[in-house]
Amino acid sequence: MNLGVNIDHICVLRAARAVNDPDIIAGMYEAISGGADQITVHLREDRRHIDENDALNIIKLCKVPVNIECSIEPSIIDIICNLRPQRATIVPERRAELTTEGGLNLKAKGLKEAIKKLKENEIEISLFIDPLKDAIDATKELDCDIVELHTGAYANAFLMLNSNLSHTKYSIPSLACLDKNALKANLLNELANIQNTAIYANKHNIKVAAGHGLNYQNVCLVAQIPQIFELNIGQSIIARSVFTGLNLAVKEMKALLRAHI
C-alpha cells in the first residue's frame, strides 16, 4: 500500500513566526527519505499552508509523485493546470474550517468544468468523497478514475472509543452521548462503509485511496482493506515528527502499513 505524506502542517509551524523555518522543501526530502511514496499538499484559497511558490518548488524538486489537493475555484484550477502535478485531488473547502470537513458535493456547480480543464492538461484527477456507493456512481458519471475516501467519521469514532478524547475540550459532541457499546457499533459501521465502498468502486474500475484523521493507532484496520491502494496521512505524522524527526515518523507509518497488507 502506498503512503502519501501530507506536509502542509510544516507550514503551520513556519507561519507561527513568519520565517522560512521549518523549510517545506527540507521537510519534503525528509519525508521521501523516510519512504513516502507521494507528497501531498493542499493549495488553499486563503494560502494558510503552502502558496504557489511552495507548490512550484515541490513539483520541480520532488522525486516522487506530487498530489495537490484543491477546490474547484477557477483561479486555483488555473494554477494547478500551470503547475501540472501528477495528481489533483478535488476537495470541498470552506474558509472558516480548521480542516476539510466531509466529502465533496459531486453536484457542485463548476465541478465538471474543473475536471475537464484538469484532464485537458493531462493531470490525474481524484475526488475526495464520503464512503457511499452513491458517491461512486456519481464519480463514474463524472468520468473520474480515482477517489479518496473520507475516513474522518471512522477516525472520530476510534478516538472517542479508544482514547481520553471524551474527557477533553476536543470531545466530539455528536458521539459524546454514546456509551462504549454504541461507540463500538458506530466504529464498525464506519469501517464497513469504507470497505464496502472500496469494493464497490473497484468493481466499477475506480481506484481507491483513503485519508483524513488516520494516525498510528487507527490506521491498521483501514490498511487491511485490500481494495485501497493508497493512504494520505499528514497531521499525525507531522505531529509525531516533533518528537522523533520526520524521517523516522514516516518510517514508522510505513512499517504499520507493511505489517497489515
C-alpha atoms as a PDB file:
ATOM      1  CA  MET A   1       0.000   0.000   0.000  1.00  0.00           C
ATOM      2  CA  ASN A   2       1.332   3.423  -0.936  1.00  0.00           C
ATOM      3  CA  LEU A   3       1.735   6.210   1.602  1.00  0.00           C
ATOM      4  CA  GLY A   4       1.161   9.802   0.577  1.00  0.00           C
ATOM      5  CA  VAL A   5       2.556  12.157   3.214  1.00  0.00           C
ATOM      6  CA  ASN A   6       0.782  15.483   3.538  1.00  0.00           C
ATOM      7  CA  ILE A   7       3.388  18.037   4.606  1.00  0.00           C
ATOM      8  CA  ASP A   8       1.036  21.039   4.972  1.00  0.00           C
ATOM      9  CA  HIS A   9       1.468  21.259   8.740  1.00  0.00           C
ATOM     10  CA  ILE A  10       5.147  22.054   8.356  1.00  0.00           C
ATOM     11  CA  CYS A  11       3.843  25.365   7.036  1.00  0.00           C
ATOM     12  CA  VAL A  12       1.668  25.840  10.112  1.00  0.00           C
ATOM     13  CA  LEU A  13       4.885  25.971  12.154  1.00  0.00           C
ATOM     14  CA  ARG A  14       6.520  28.201   9.554  1.00  0.00           C
ATOM     15  CA  ALA A  15       3.627  30.677   9.741  1.00  0.00           C
ATOM     16  CA  ALA A  16       3.831  30.889  13.536  1.00  0.00           C
ATOM     17  CA  ARG A  17       6.859  33.190  13.268  1.00  0.00           C
ATOM     18  CA  ALA A  18       6.561  34.249   9.615  1.00  0.00           C
ATOM     19  CA  VAL A  19      10.016  32.950   8.734  1.00  0.00           C
ATOM     20  CA  ASN A  20      11.093  30.152   6.429  1.00  0.00           C
ATOM     21  CA  ASP A  21      11.683  27.753   9.296  1.00  0.00           C
ATOM     22  CA  PRO A  22      10.944  24.894   9.130  1.00  0.00           C
ATOM     23  CA  ASP A  23      11.648  24.734   5.412  1.00  0.00           C
ATOM     24  CA  ILE A  24       8.914  22.908   3.490  1.00  0.00           C
ATOM     25  CA  ILE A  25      11.417  21.606   0.924  1.00  0.00           C
ATOM     26  CA  ALA A  26      13.669  20.169   3.637  1.00  0.00           C
ATOM     27  CA  GLY A  27      10.575  18.524   5.066  1.00  0.00           C
ATOM     28  CA  MET A  28       9.708  17.074   1.674  1.00  0.00           C
ATOM     29  CA  TYR A  29      13.145  15.476   1.375  1.00  0.00           C
ATOM     30  CA  GLU A  30      12.901  14.043   4.899  1.00  0.00           C
ATOM     31  CA  ALA A  31       9.501  12.508   4.124  1.00  0.00           C
ATOM     32  CA  ILE A  32      10.843  10.958   0.921  1.00  0.00           C
ATOM     33  CA  SER A  33      13.924   9.571   2.658  1.00  0.00           C
ATOM     34  CA  GLY A  34      11.609   8.008   5.240  1.00  0.00           C
ATOM     35  CA  GLY A  35       9.750   6.161   2.487  1.00  0.00           C
ATOM     36  CA  ALA A  36       6.922   8.426   1.329  1.00  0.00           C
ATOM     37  CA  ASP A  37       5.549   7.174  -1.982  1.00  0.00           C
ATOM     38  CA  GLN A  38       3.888  10.503  -2.707  1.00  0.00           C
ATOM     39  CA  ILE A  39       3.969  14.060  -1.402  1.00  0.00           C
ATOM     40  CA  THR A  40       0.576  15.642  -0.809  1.00  0.00           C
ATOM     41  CA  VAL A  41      -0.153  19.321  -0.184  1.00  0.00           C
ATOM     42  CA  HIS A  42      -3.304  21.450  -0.164  1.00  0.00           C
ATOM     43  CA  LEU A  43      -3.206  24.739  -2.060  1.00  0.00           C
ATOM     44  CA  ARG A  44      -5.993  26.554  -0.234  1.00  0.00           C
ATOM     45  CA  GLU A  45      -7.661  29.695  -1.460  1.00  0.00           C
ATOM     46  CA  ASP A  46      -6.508  31.539   1.692  1.00  0.00           C
ATOM     47  CA  ARG A  47      -2.937  30.124   1.334  1.00  0.00           C
ATOM     48  CA  ARG A  48      -2.862  29.221   5.037  1.00  0.00           C
ATOM     49  CA  HIS A  49      -0.396  26.426   4.297  1.00  0.00           C
ATOM     50  CA  ILE A  50       1.556  26.351   1.051  1.00  0.00           C
ATOM     51  CA  ASP A  51       1.473  29.019  -1.640  1.00  0.00           C
ATOM     52  CA  GLU A  52       2.189  28.939  -5.379  1.00  0.00           C
ATOM     53  CA  ASN A  53       5.949  29.252  -4.901  1.00  0.00           C
ATOM     54  CA  ASP A  54       5.996  26.336  -2.478  1.00  0.00           C
ATOM     55  CA  ALA A  55       3.963  24.230  -4.896  1.00  0.00           C
ATOM     56  CA  LEU A  56       6.225  25.132  -7.819  1.00  0.00           C
ATOM     57  CA  ASN A  57       9.390  24.245  -5.892  1.00  0.00           C
ATOM     58  CA  ILE A  58       7.916  20.986  -4.627  1.00  0.00           C
ATOM     59  CA  ILE A  59       6.961  19.914  -8.156  1.00  0.00           C
ATOM     60  CA  LYS A  60      10.371  20.903  -9.547  1.00  0.00           C
ATOM     61  CA  LEU A  61      12.376  19.106  -6.873  1.00  0.00           C
ATOM     62  CA  CYS A  62      10.227  16.181  -5.756  1.00  0.00           C
ATOM     63  CA  LYS A  63      11.473  12.709  -6.715  1.00  0.00           C
ATOM     64  CA  VAL A  64       8.118  11.024  -6.090  1.00  0.00           C
ATOM     65  CA  PRO A  65       4.661  11.911  -7.429  1.00  0.00           C
ATOM     66  CA  VAL A  66       3.051  15.117  -6.159  1.00  0.00           C
ATOM     67  CA  ASN A  67      -0.641  15.268  -5.287  1.00  0.00           C
ATOM     68  CA  ILE A  68      -2.128  18.744  -4.825  1.00  0.00           C
ATOM     69  CA  GLU A  69      -5.466  18.993  -3.058  1.00  0.00           C
ATOM     70  CA  CYS A  70      -7.570  21.905  -4.274  1.00  0.00           C
ATOM     71  CA  SER A  71     -11.042  23.386  -4.521  1.00  0.00           C
ATOM     72  CA  ILE A  72     -12.856  23.971  -7.806  1.00  0.00           C
ATOM     73  CA  GLU A  73     -12.378  27.750  -7.585  1.00  0.00           C
ATOM     74  CA  PRO A  74     -11.403  28.722 -11.166  1.00  0.00           C
ATOM     75  CA  SER A  75      -8.247  30.672 -10.265  1.00  0.00           C
ATOM     76  CA  ILE A  76      -6.988  27.720  -8.209  1.00  0.00           C
ATOM     77  CA  ILE A  77      -7.697  25.291 -11.042  1.00  0.00           C
ATOM     78  CA  ASP A  78      -5.757  27.599 -13.394  1.00  0.00           C
ATOM     79  CA  ILE A  79      -2.766  27.499 -11.053  1.00  0.00           C
ATOM     80  CA  ILE A  80      -2.918  23.704 -10.823  1.00  0.00           C
ATOM     81  CA  CYS A  81      -3.058  23.444 -14.599  1.00  0.00           C
ATOM     82  CA  ASN A  82       0.026  25.663 -14.900  1.00  0.00           C
ATOM     83  CA  LEU A  83       1.904  23.678 -12.240  1.00  0.00           C
ATOM     84  CA  ARG A  84       0.873  20.289 -13.682  1.00  0.00           C
ATOM     85  CA  PRO A  85       1.409  17.963 -10.729  1.00  0.00           C
ATOM     86  CA  GLN A  86       0.918  14.250 -11.243  1.00  0.00           C
ATOM     87  CA  ARG A  87      -2.445  14.383  -9.481  1.00  0.00           C
ATOM     88  CA  ALA A  88      -5.023  16.894  -8.332  1.00  0.00           C
ATOM     89  CA  THR A  89      -7.434  15.804  -5.609  1.00  0.00           C
ATOM     90  CA  ILE A  90     -10.552  17.949  -5.641  1.00  0.00           C
ATOM     91  CA  VAL A  91     -11.817  18.593  -2.125  1.00  0.00           C
ATOM     92  CA  PRO A  92     -14.559  20.726  -0.557  1.00  0.00           C
ATOM     93  CA  GLU A  93     -13.233  23.893   1.018  1.00  0.00           C
ATOM     94  CA  ARG A  94     -14.679  26.471   3.380  1.00  0.00           C
ATOM     95  CA  ARG A  95     -12.704  29.454   4.648  1.00  0.00           C
ATOM     96  CA  ALA A  96     -13.756  29.004   8.294  1.00  0.00           C
ATOM     97  CA  GLU A  97     -12.924  25.299   8.605  1.00  0.00           C
ATOM     98  CA  LEU A  98      -9.889  24.052  10.518  1.00  0.00           C
ATOM     99  CA  THR A  99      -9.544  21.108   8.157  1.00  0.00           C
ATOM    100  CA  THR A 100     -11.513  19.563   5.298  1.00  0.00           C
ATOM    101  CA  GLU A 101     -14.920  18.551   6.617  1.00  0.00           C
ATOM    102  CA  GLY A 102     -16.748  15.788   4.775  1.00  0.00           C
ATOM    103  CA  GLY A 103     -16.690  14.672   1.189  1.00  0.00           C
ATOM    104  CA  LEU A 104     -17.142  16.653  -1.980  1.00  0.00           C
ATOM    105  CA  ASN A 105     -20.557  17.721  -3.264  1.00  0.00           C
ATOM    106  CA  LEU A 106     -20.479  15.844  -6.547  1.00  0.00           C
ATOM    107  CA  LYS A 107     -23.235  18.050  -7.969  1.00  0.00           C
ATOM    108  CA  ALA A 108     -21.371  21.274  -7.177  1.00  0.00           C
ATOM    109  CA  LYS A 109     -21.536  23.997  -9.790  1.00  0.00           C
ATOM    110  CA  GLY A 110     -18.229  24.204 -11.621  1.00  0.00           C
ATOM    111  CA  LEU A 111     -17.054  20.662 -10.793  1.00  0.00           C
ATOM    112  CA  LYS A 112     -17.489  19.309 -14.317  1.00  0.00           C
ATOM    113  CA  GLU A 113     -15.672  22.321 -15.756  1.00  0.00           C
ATOM    114  CA  ALA A 114     -12.772  21.878 -13.318  1.00  0.00           C
ATOM    115  CA  ILE A 115     -12.454  18.191 -14.179  1.00  0.00           C
ATOM    116  CA  LYS A 116     -12.498  18.945 -17.906  1.00  0.00           C
ATOM    117  CA  LYS A 117      -9.753  21.559 -17.582  1.00  0.00           C
ATOM    118  CA  LEU A 118      -7.525  19.319 -15.472  1.00  0.00           C
ATOM    119  CA  LYS A 119      -7.942  16.481 -17.960  1.00  0.00           C
ATOM    120  CA  GLU A 120      -7.015  18.776 -20.833  1.00  0.00           C
ATOM    121  CA  ASN A 121      -3.732  19.403 -19.012  1.00  0.00           C
ATOM    122  CA  GLU A 122      -3.100  15.659 -18.539  1.00  0.00           C
ATOM    123  CA  ILE A 123      -3.399  15.814 -14.742  1.00  0.00           C
ATOM    124  CA  GLU A 124      -4.662  12.722 -12.954  1.00  0.00           C
ATOM    125  CA  ILE A 125      -7.827  13.552 -11.002  1.00  0.00           C
ATOM    126  CA  SER A 126      -9.047  12.185  -7.701  1.00  0.00           C
ATOM    127  CA  LEU A 127     -12.278  13.171  -5.958  1.00  0.00           C
ATOM    128  CA  PHE A 128     -12.404  13.341  -2.143  1.00  0.00           C
ATOM    129  CA  ILE A 129     -15.719  11.700  -1.301  1.00  0.00           C
ATOM    130  CA  ASP A 130     -17.703  10.272   1.586  1.00  0.00           C
ATOM    131  CA  PRO A 131     -17.646   6.451   1.677  1.00  0.00           C
ATOM    132  CA  LEU A 132     -21.006   5.946  -0.025  1.00  0.00           C
ATOM    133  CA  LYS A 133     -21.963   3.849  -3.054  1.00  0.00           C
ATOM    134  CA  ASP A 134     -23.984   6.756  -4.459  1.00  0.00           C
ATOM    135  CA  ALA A 135     -20.790   8.819  -4.491  1.00  0.00           C
ATOM    136  CA  ILE A 136     -19.077   6.118  -6.552  1.00  0.00           C
ATOM    137  CA  ASP A 137     -21.952   6.181  -9.051  1.00  0.00           C
ATOM    138  CA  ALA A 138     -21.601   9.958  -9.345  1.00  0.00           C
ATOM    139  CA  THR A 139     -17.817   9.634  -9.744  1.00  0.00           C
ATOM    140  CA  LYS A 140     -18.345   7.228 -12.629  1.00  0.00           C
ATOM    141  CA  GLU A 141     -20.716   9.695 -14.293  1.00  0.00           C
ATOM    142  CA  LEU A 142     -18.059  12.402 -13.939  1.00  0.00           C
ATOM    143  CA  ASP A 143     -15.578  10.093 -15.722  1.00  0.00           C
ATOM    144  CA  CYS A 144     -13.004  10.086 -12.909  1.00  0.00           C
ATOM    145  CA  ASP A 145     -10.894   7.012 -12.220  1.00  0.00           C
ATOM    146  CA  ILE A 146      -9.695   7.674  -8.651  1.00  0.00           C
ATOM    147  CA  VAL A 147     -11.435   8.537  -5.409  1.00  0.00           C
ATOM    148  CA  GLU A 148     -10.097   9.262  -1.947  1.00  0.00           C
ATOM    149  CA  LEU A 149     -12.499   8.066   0.715  1.00  0.00           C
ATOM    150  CA  HIS A 150     -13.021  10.409   3.660  1.00  0.00           C
ATOM    151  CA  THR A 151     -12.108   8.441   6.793  1.00  0.00           C
ATOM    152  CA  GLY A 152     -12.916  11.208   9.275  1.00  0.00           C
ATOM    153  CA  ALA A 153     -16.065   9.616  10.722  1.00  0.00           C
ATOM    154  CA  TYR A 154     -14.178   6.363  11.318  1.00  0.00           C
ATOM    155  CA  ALA A 155     -11.251   8.223  12.899  1.00  0.00           C
ATOM    156  CA  ASN A 156     -13.560  10.191  15.208  1.00  0.00           C
ATOM    157  CA  ALA A 157     -15.320   7.043  16.415  1.00  0.00           C
ATOM    158  CA  PHE A 158     -11.976   5.335  17.026  1.00  0.00           C
ATOM    159  CA  LEU A 159     -10.697   8.268  19.078  1.00  0.00           C
ATOM    160  CA  MET A 160     -13.815   8.525  21.194  1.00  0.00           C
ATOM    161  CA  LEU A 161     -13.761   4.778  21.894  1.00  0.00           C
ATOM    162  CA  ASN A 162     -10.043   4.209  22.409  1.00  0.00           C
ATOM    163  CA  SER A 163      -8.645   7.424  23.892  1.00  0.00           C
ATOM    164  CA  ASN A 164      -9.382  10.012  26.563  1.00  0.00           C
ATOM    165  CA  LEU A 165     -10.749  12.445  23.964  1.00  0.00           C
ATOM    166  CA  SER A 166     -14.208  12.475  25.560  1.00  0.00           C
ATOM    167  CA  HIS A 167     -12.665  13.950  28.737  1.00  0.00           C
ATOM    168  CA  THR A 168     -11.056  16.880  26.905  1.00  0.00           C
ATOM    169  CA  LYS A 169     -12.261  20.052  25.232  1.00  0.00           C
ATOM    170  CA  TYR A 170     -11.799  18.252  21.905  1.00  0.00           C
ATOM    171  CA  SER A 171     -14.593  15.756  22.641  1.00  0.00           C
ATOM    172  CA  ILE A 172     -16.870  15.205  19.622  1.00  0.00           C
ATOM    173  CA  PRO A 173     -20.398  16.325  20.585  1.00  0.00           C
ATOM    174  CA  SER A 174     -22.232  14.029  18.168  1.00  0.00           C
ATOM    175  CA  LEU A 175     -20.527  10.987  19.728  1.00  0.00           C
ATOM    176  CA  ALA A 176     -20.222  12.114  23.351  1.00  0.00           C
ATOM    177  CA  CYS A 177     -23.704  10.845  24.211  1.00  0.00           C
ATOM    178  CA  LEU A 178     -22.913   7.260  23.150  1.00  0.00           C
ATOM    179  CA  ASP A 179     -21.838   4.545  25.579  1.00  0.00           C
ATOM    180  CA  LYS A 180     -18.968   2.194  24.746  1.00  0.00           C
ATOM    181  CA  ASN A 181     -21.144  -0.423  23.081  1.00  0.00           C
ATOM    182  CA  ALA A 182     -22.792   2.183  20.882  1.00  0.00           C
ATOM    183  CA  LEU A 183     -19.409   3.712  20.037  1.00  0.00           C
ATOM    184  CA  LYS A 184     -18.056   0.291  19.073  1.00  0.00           C
ATOM    185  CA  ALA A 185     -21.075  -0.320  16.840  1.00  0.00           C
ATOM    186  CA  ASN A 186     -20.569   3.123  15.274  1.00  0.00           C
ATOM    187  CA  LEU A 187     -16.888   2.391  14.656  1.00  0.00           C
ATOM    188  CA  LEU A 188     -17.619  -0.958  12.993  1.00  0.00           C
ATOM    189  CA  ASN A 189     -20.316   0.634  10.850  1.00  0.00           C
ATOM    190  CA  GLU A 190     -17.969   3.383   9.634  1.00  0.00           C
ATOM    191  CA  LEU A 191     -15.269   0.821   8.862  1.00  0.00           C
ATOM    192  CA  ALA A 192     -17.793  -1.288   6.944  1.00  0.00           C
ATOM    193  CA  ASN A 193     -18.839   1.787   4.942  1.00  0.00           C
ATOM    194  CA  ILE A 194     -15.222   2.338   3.898  1.00  0.00           C
ATOM    195  CA  GLN A 195     -14.674  -1.305   2.985  1.00  0.00           C
ATOM    196  CA  ASN A 196     -17.961  -1.769   1.118  1.00  0.00           C
ATOM    197  CA  THR A 197     -17.481   1.457  -0.826  1.00  0.00           C
ATOM    198  CA  ALA A 198     -13.934   0.432  -1.767  1.00  0.00           C
ATOM    199  CA  ILE A 199     -15.187  -2.939  -3.021  1.00  0.00           C
ATOM    200  CA  TYR A 200     -17.966  -1.278  -4.994  1.00  0.00           C
ATOM    201  CA  ALA A 201     -15.544   1.244  -6.517  1.00  0.00           C
ATOM    202  CA  ASN A 202     -13.110  -1.452  -7.610  1.00  0.00           C
ATOM    203  CA  LYS A 203     -15.957  -3.339  -9.306  1.00  0.00           C
ATOM    204  CA  HIS A 204     -16.524  -0.171 -11.345  1.00  0.00           C
ATOM    205  CA  ASN A 205     -12.801   0.131 -12.208  1.00  0.00           C
ATOM    206  CA  ILE A 206     -12.274   3.090  -9.877  1.00  0.00           C
ATOM    207  CA  LYS A 207      -9.065   3.131  -7.850  1.00  0.00           C
ATOM    208  CA  VAL A 208      -9.449   3.882  -4.163  1.00  0.00           C
ATOM    209  CA  ALA A 209      -7.271   5.927  -1.835  1.00  0.00           C
ATOM    210  CA  ALA A 210      -8.298   6.971   1.672  1.00  0.00           C
ATOM    211  CA  GLY A 211      -7.425   9.590   4.225  1.00  0.00           C
ATOM    212  CA  HIS A 212      -8.380  12.081   6.922  1.00  0.00           C
ATOM    213  CA  GLY A 213      -7.785  11.640  10.631  1.00  0.00           C
ATOM    214  CA  LEU A 214      -5.699   8.498  10.212  1.00  0.00           C
ATOM    215  CA  ASN A 215      -2.944   8.005  12.787  1.00  0.00           C
ATOM    216  CA  TYR A 216      -0.616   5.391  14.251  1.00  0.00           C
ATOM    217  CA  GLN A 217      -3.374   3.867  16.366  1.00  0.00           C
ATOM    218  CA  ASN A 218      -6.274   3.647  13.918  1.00  0.00           C
ATOM    219  CA  VAL A 219      -4.576   3.118  10.564  1.00  0.00           C
ATOM    220  CA  CYS A 220      -4.216  -0.656  10.806  1.00  0.00           C
ATOM    221  CA  LEU A 221      -7.882  -1.540  10.266  1.00  0.00           C
ATOM    222  CA  VAL A 222      -8.044   0.611   7.138  1.00  0.00           C
ATOM    223  CA  ALA A 223      -4.707  -0.700   5.874  1.00  0.00           C
ATOM    224  CA  GLN A 224      -6.159  -4.211   5.898  1.00  0.00           C
ATOM    225  CA  ILE A 225      -8.696  -3.327   3.191  1.00  0.00           C
ATOM    226  CA  PRO A 226      -7.128  -4.792   0.013  1.00  0.00           C
ATOM    227  CA  GLN A 227      -9.151  -2.617  -2.373  1.00  0.00           C
ATOM    228  CA  ILE A 228      -7.405   0.535  -1.095  1.00  0.00           C
ATOM    229  CA  PHE A 229      -4.112   1.219  -2.852  1.00  0.00           C
ATOM    230  CA  GLU A 230      -3.013   4.389  -1.043  1.00  0.00           C
ATOM    231  CA  LEU A 231      -3.424   6.277   2.219  1.00  0.00           C
ATOM    232  CA  ASN A 232      -2.796  10.012   2.523  1.00  0.00           C
ATOM    233  CA  ILE A 233      -1.761  10.959   6.048  1.00  0.00           C
ATOM    234  CA  GLY A 234      -0.453  14.278   7.310  1.00  0.00           C
ATOM    235  CA  GLN A 235      -1.203  15.757  10.709  1.00  0.00           C
ATOM    236  CA  SER A 236      -0.399  12.675  12.782  1.00  0.00           C
ATOM    237  CA  ILE A 237       2.929  12.123  11.003  1.00  0.00           C
ATOM    238  CA  ILE A 238       3.993  15.760  11.339  1.00  0.00           C
ATOM    239  CA  ALA A 239       2.897  15.761  14.991  1.00  0.00           C
ATOM    240  CA  ARG A 240       4.959  12.648  15.723  1.00  0.00           C
ATOM    241  CA  SER A 241       7.945  14.102  13.893  1.00  0.00           C
ATOM    242  CA  VAL A 242       8.198  16.835  16.538  1.00  0.00           C
ATOM    243  CA  PHE A 243       9.446  14.099  18.886  1.00  0.00           C
ATOM    244  CA  THR A 244      11.085  11.588  16.521  1.00  0.00           C
ATOM    245  CA  GLY A 245      12.095  13.534  13.426  1.00  0.00           C
ATOM    246  CA  LEU A 246      10.159  13.324  10.167  1.00  0.00           C
ATOM    247  CA  ASN A 247      12.284  10.582   8.610  1.00  0.00           C
ATOM    248  CA  LEU A 248      11.559   8.171  11.468  1.00  0.00           C
ATOM    249  CA  ALA A 249       7.909   9.226  11.756  1.00  0.00           C
ATOM    250  CA  VAL A 250       7.344   8.267   8.105  1.00  0.00           C
ATOM    251  CA  LYS A 251       9.296   5.011   8.509  1.00  0.00           C
ATOM    252  CA  GLU A 252       7.114   4.043  11.466  1.00  0.00           C
ATOM    253  CA  MET A 253       3.930   4.653   9.496  1.00  0.00           C
ATOM    254  CA  LYS A 254       5.260   2.716   6.516  1.00  0.00           C
ATOM    255  CA  ALA A 255       6.078  -0.205   8.830  1.00  0.00           C
ATOM    256  CA  LEU A 256       2.481  -0.246  10.075  1.00  0.00           C
ATOM    257  CA  LEU A 257       1.172  -0.339   6.514  1.00  0.00           C
ATOM    258  CA  ARG A 258       3.528  -3.157   5.519  1.00  0.00           C
ATOM    259  CA  ALA A 259       2.510  -5.171   8.579  1.00  0.00           C
ATOM    260  CA  HIS A 260      -1.155  -5.119   7.598  1.00  0.00           C
ATOM    261  CA  ILE A 261      -1.090  -5.711   3.859  1.00  0.00           C
END
